[in-house]
C-alpha atoms as a PDB file:
ATOM      1  CA  ASN A   1      32.768  18.515  20.730  1.00  0.00           C
ATOM      2  CA  LEU A   2      30.316  17.992  23.936  1.00  0.00           C
ATOM      3  CA  PHE A   3      31.242  14.097  24.378  1.00  0.00           C
ATOM      4  CA  ILE A   4      34.450  13.331  21.619  1.00  0.00           C
ATOM      5  CA  ASN A   5      36.278  16.144  23.337  1.00  0.00           C
ATOM      6  CA  PRO A   6      35.492  14.738  26.952  1.00  0.00           C
ATOM      7  CA  ILE A   7      36.223  10.872  25.625  1.00  0.00           C
ATOM      8  CA  LEU A   8      39.810  11.387  23.693  1.00  0.00           C
ATOM      9  CA  ARG A   9      40.288  13.448  26.822  1.00  0.00           C
ATOM     10  CA  SER A  10      40.095  10.391  29.535  1.00  0.00           C
ATOM     11  CA  HIS A  11      41.727   8.013  27.053  1.00  0.00           C
ATOM     12  CA  GLU A  12      44.875   9.777  27.602  1.00  0.00           C
ATOM     13  CA  ALA A  13      48.481   8.970  30.043  1.00  0.00           C
ATOM     14  CA  SER A  14      48.752  12.361  31.472  1.00  0.00           C
ATOM     15  CA  CYS A  15      44.237  13.492  32.753  1.00  0.00           C
ATOM     16  CA  SER A  16      43.305  13.479  35.126  1.00  0.00           C
ATOM     17  CA  GLU A  17      40.454  11.439  37.594  1.00  0.00           C
ATOM     18  CA  ALA A  18      37.919  14.479  37.359  1.00  0.00           C
ATOM     19  CA  GLU A  19      38.738  13.691  33.427  1.00  0.00           C
ATOM     20  CA  GLN A  20      38.643  10.314  33.588  1.00  0.00           C
ATOM     21  CA  LYS A  21      35.058  10.557  34.993  1.00  0.00           C
ATOM     22  CA  MET A  22      34.158  13.841  32.296  1.00  0.00           C
ATOM     23  CA  GLY A  23      34.963  10.986  29.991  1.00  0.00           C
ATOM     24  CA  SER A  24      33.126   8.182  31.618  1.00  0.00           C
ATOM     25  CA  LEU A  25      29.858  10.098  31.433  1.00  0.00           C
ATOM     26  CA  ARG A  26      30.261  11.188  28.305  1.00  0.00           C
ATOM     27  CA  ARG A  27      30.582   7.831  27.072  1.00  0.00           C
ATOM     28  CA  GLU A  28      27.624   6.452  28.816  1.00  0.00           C
ATOM     29  CA  GLU A  29      25.118   8.833  27.321  1.00  0.00           C
ATOM     30  CA  LEU A  30      26.902   8.542  24.135  1.00  0.00           C
ATOM     31  CA  ASN A  31      26.657   5.038  24.151  1.00  0.00           C
ATOM     32  CA  ARG A  32      22.268   5.658  25.570  1.00  0.00           C
ATOM     33  CA  LEU A  33      21.799   8.033  23.213  1.00  0.00           C
ATOM     34  CA  SER A  34      22.578   5.843  19.857  1.00  0.00           C
ATOM     35  CA  SER A  35      21.833   2.562  21.370  1.00  0.00           C
ATOM     36  CA  SER A  36      18.677   2.511  19.491  1.00  0.00           C
ATOM     37  CA  PHE A  37      20.117   4.158  16.772  1.00  0.00           C
ATOM     38  CA  VAL A  38      23.244   0.981  16.311  1.00  0.00           C
ATOM     39  CA  LEU A  39      22.220  -2.215  15.362  1.00  0.00           C
ATOM     40  CA  ARG A  40      25.629  -4.789  17.059  1.00  0.00           C
ATOM     41  CA  ARG A  41      25.444  -8.279  15.620  1.00  0.00           C
ATOM     42  CA  THR A  42      27.327 -11.306  17.946  1.00  0.00           C
ATOM     43  CA  SER A  43      29.595 -13.231  15.858  1.00  0.00           C
ATOM     44  CA  HIS A  44      27.004 -16.523  17.381  1.00  0.00           C
ATOM     45  CA  VAL A  45      24.557 -14.324  14.903  1.00  0.00           C
ATOM     46  CA  LEU A  46      26.522 -13.634  12.014  1.00  0.00           C
ATOM     47  CA  ARG A  47      28.826 -17.042  12.156  1.00  0.00           C
ATOM     48  CA  LYS A  48      25.131 -17.925  10.591  1.00  0.00           C
ATOM     49  CA  HIS A  49      24.438 -16.351   8.025  1.00  0.00           C
ATOM     50  CA  LEU A  50      28.216 -15.207   6.812  1.00  0.00           C
ATOM     51  CA  PRO A  51      31.095 -17.345   5.289  1.00  0.00           C
ATOM     52  CA  PRO A  52      34.168 -17.965   7.052  1.00  0.00           C
ATOM     53  CA  LYS A  53      36.233 -14.655   7.212  1.00  0.00           C
ATOM     54  CA  THR A  54      39.399 -15.141   4.714  1.00  0.00           C
ATOM     55  CA  GLU A  55      42.597 -12.140   4.981  1.00  0.00           C
ATOM     56  CA  ILE A  56      45.083 -12.696   1.533  1.00  0.00           C
ATOM     57  CA  TYR A  57      47.821  -9.591   2.646  1.00  0.00           C
ATOM     58  CA  VAL A  58      49.867  -9.034  -0.742  1.00  0.00           C
ATOM     59  CA  PHE A  59      52.876  -7.009  -0.854  1.00  0.00           C
ATOM     60  CA  ILE A  60      53.497  -4.663  -3.644  1.00  0.00           C
ATOM     61  CA  LYS A  61      56.279  -2.186  -3.750  1.00  0.00           C
ATOM     62  CA  MET A  62      55.137   1.363  -4.385  1.00  0.00           C
ATOM     63  CA  GLU A  63      56.049   4.068  -7.164  1.00  0.00           C
ATOM     64  CA  ALA A  64      59.024   5.764  -7.143  1.00  0.00           C
ATOM     65  CA  ARG A  65      56.532   9.126  -6.664  1.00  0.00           C
ATOM     66  CA  GLN A  66      54.410   7.370  -3.989  1.00  0.00           C
ATOM     67  CA  ARG A  67      57.845   6.423  -2.404  1.00  0.00           C
ATOM     68  CA  ASP A  68      58.931  10.238  -2.490  1.00  0.00           C
ATOM     69  CA  CYS A  69      55.549  11.209  -0.680  1.00  0.00           C
ATOM     70  CA  TYR A  70      54.974   9.125   1.719  1.00  0.00           C
ATOM     71  CA  ASN A  71      58.657   9.279   2.431  1.00  0.00           C
ATOM     72  CA  GLN A  72      58.403  13.134   3.010  1.00  0.00           C
ATOM     73  CA  ARG A  73      55.459  12.306   4.952  1.00  0.00           C
ATOM     74  CA  VAL A  74      56.991  10.336   7.580  1.00  0.00           C
ATOM     75  CA  LYS A  75      59.240  13.217   8.286  1.00  0.00           C
ATOM     76  CA  GLU A  76      56.596  15.564   8.674  1.00  0.00           C
ATOM     77  CA  VAL A  77      54.744  13.077  11.326  1.00  0.00           C
ATOM     78  CA  SER A  78      58.069  11.874  13.858  1.00  0.00           C
ATOM     79  CA  MET A  79      58.746  15.541  13.448  1.00  0.00           C
ATOM     80  CA  ARG A  80      55.123  16.465  14.801  1.00  0.00           C
ATOM     81  CA  LEU A  81      54.787  13.281  16.852  1.00  0.00           C
ATOM     82  CA  SER A  82      58.238  14.210  19.048  1.00  0.00           C
ATOM     83  CA  GLY A  83      56.151  16.800  20.509  1.00  0.00           C
ATOM     84  CA  VAL A  84      52.631  14.547  20.779  1.00  0.00           C
ATOM     85  CA  LYS A  85      50.563  14.874  23.383  1.00  0.00           C
ATOM     86  CA  THR A  86      47.193  12.618  22.313  1.00  0.00           C
ATOM     87  CA  MET A  87      47.072   9.457  21.583  1.00  0.00           C
ATOM     88  CA  GLY A  88      44.746  10.825  18.805  1.00  0.00           C
ATOM     89  CA  ASP A  89      47.412  13.136  17.070  1.00  0.00           C
ATOM     90  CA  ALA A  90      49.338   9.590  16.599  1.00  0.00           C
ATOM     91  CA  LEU A  91      46.322   7.564  15.137  1.00  0.00           C
ATOM     92  CA  GLN A  92      45.656  10.055  12.526  1.00  0.00           C
ATOM     93  CA  SER A  93      49.507  10.349  11.594  1.00  0.00           C
ATOM     94  CA  ILE A  94      49.528   6.919  11.117  1.00  0.00           C
ATOM     95  CA  THR A  95      45.855   7.231   9.164  1.00  0.00           C
ATOM     96  CA  GLU A  96      47.553   9.538   6.705  1.00  0.00           C
ATOM     97  CA  LEU A  97      50.693   7.268   6.080  1.00  0.00           C
ATOM     98  CA  ARG A  98      48.100   4.581   5.388  1.00  0.00           C
ATOM     99  CA  LYS A  99      46.615   6.774   2.524  1.00  0.00           C
ATOM    100  CA  LEU A 100      49.322   7.374   1.335  1.00  0.00           C
ATOM    101  CA  CYS A 101      49.994   3.719   1.120  1.00  0.00           C
ATOM    102  CA  ILE A 102      47.016   3.127  -0.782  1.00  0.00           C
ATOM    103  CA  HIS A 103      47.520   5.425  -3.486  1.00  0.00           C
ATOM    104  CA  PRO A 104      49.416   9.550  -3.463  1.00  0.00           C
ATOM    105  CA  ASP A 105      46.884  11.735  -3.757  1.00  0.00           C
ATOM    106  CA  PHE A 106      44.508  10.214  -0.770  1.00  0.00           C
ATOM    107  CA  GLY A 107      48.136  12.200   1.190  1.00  0.00           C
ATOM    108  CA  LYS A 108      46.598  15.416   3.370  1.00  0.00           C
ATOM    109  CA  ASP A 109      47.144  18.575   0.641  1.00  0.00           C
ATOM    110  CA  MET A 110      48.769  16.374  -1.896  1.00  0.00           C
ATOM    111  CA  GLY A 111      47.040  17.538  -4.858  1.00  0.00           C
ATOM    112  CA  GLN A 112      47.421  20.936  -4.079  1.00  0.00           C
ATOM    113  CA  GLU A 113      51.264  20.702  -3.525  1.00  0.00           C
ATOM    114  CA  GLU A 114      50.954  19.038  -7.371  1.00  0.00           C
ATOM    115  CA  GLU A 115      49.126  22.347  -9.255  1.00  0.00           C
ATOM    116  CA  GLU A 116      51.587  24.497  -7.441  1.00  0.00           C
ATOM    117  CA  GLU A 117      54.199  22.844  -8.824  1.00  0.00           C
ATOM    118  CA  GLU A 118      52.484  22.728 -12.517  1.00  0.00           C
ATOM    119  CA  ASP A 119      51.829  26.595 -12.088  1.00  0.00           C
END
């Protein structure tokens, strides 16, 4: 992609100065192109119209199937991250694990694996 690849690459620790500059230029261009379509509301404006933010944390044990899927995915992610070279790979793996915490069917290819087991 014209924008995403240079921008992501510019955030990596191993990127060159030229890659950082290209990422910065592409980020500025993308901001310029999208600024007319994106409505930014400041916290000052939002405070006038929204109640105070409330966060509630509820810890719930995973069911056996969900825990098994999660543990399996942790092993796979650990192996994949041992050679990780980009921040994007790490964030994608974290997102996969978060999805599994919500529901085991949200895991990547989980539905296909179960269908194969049933056959």
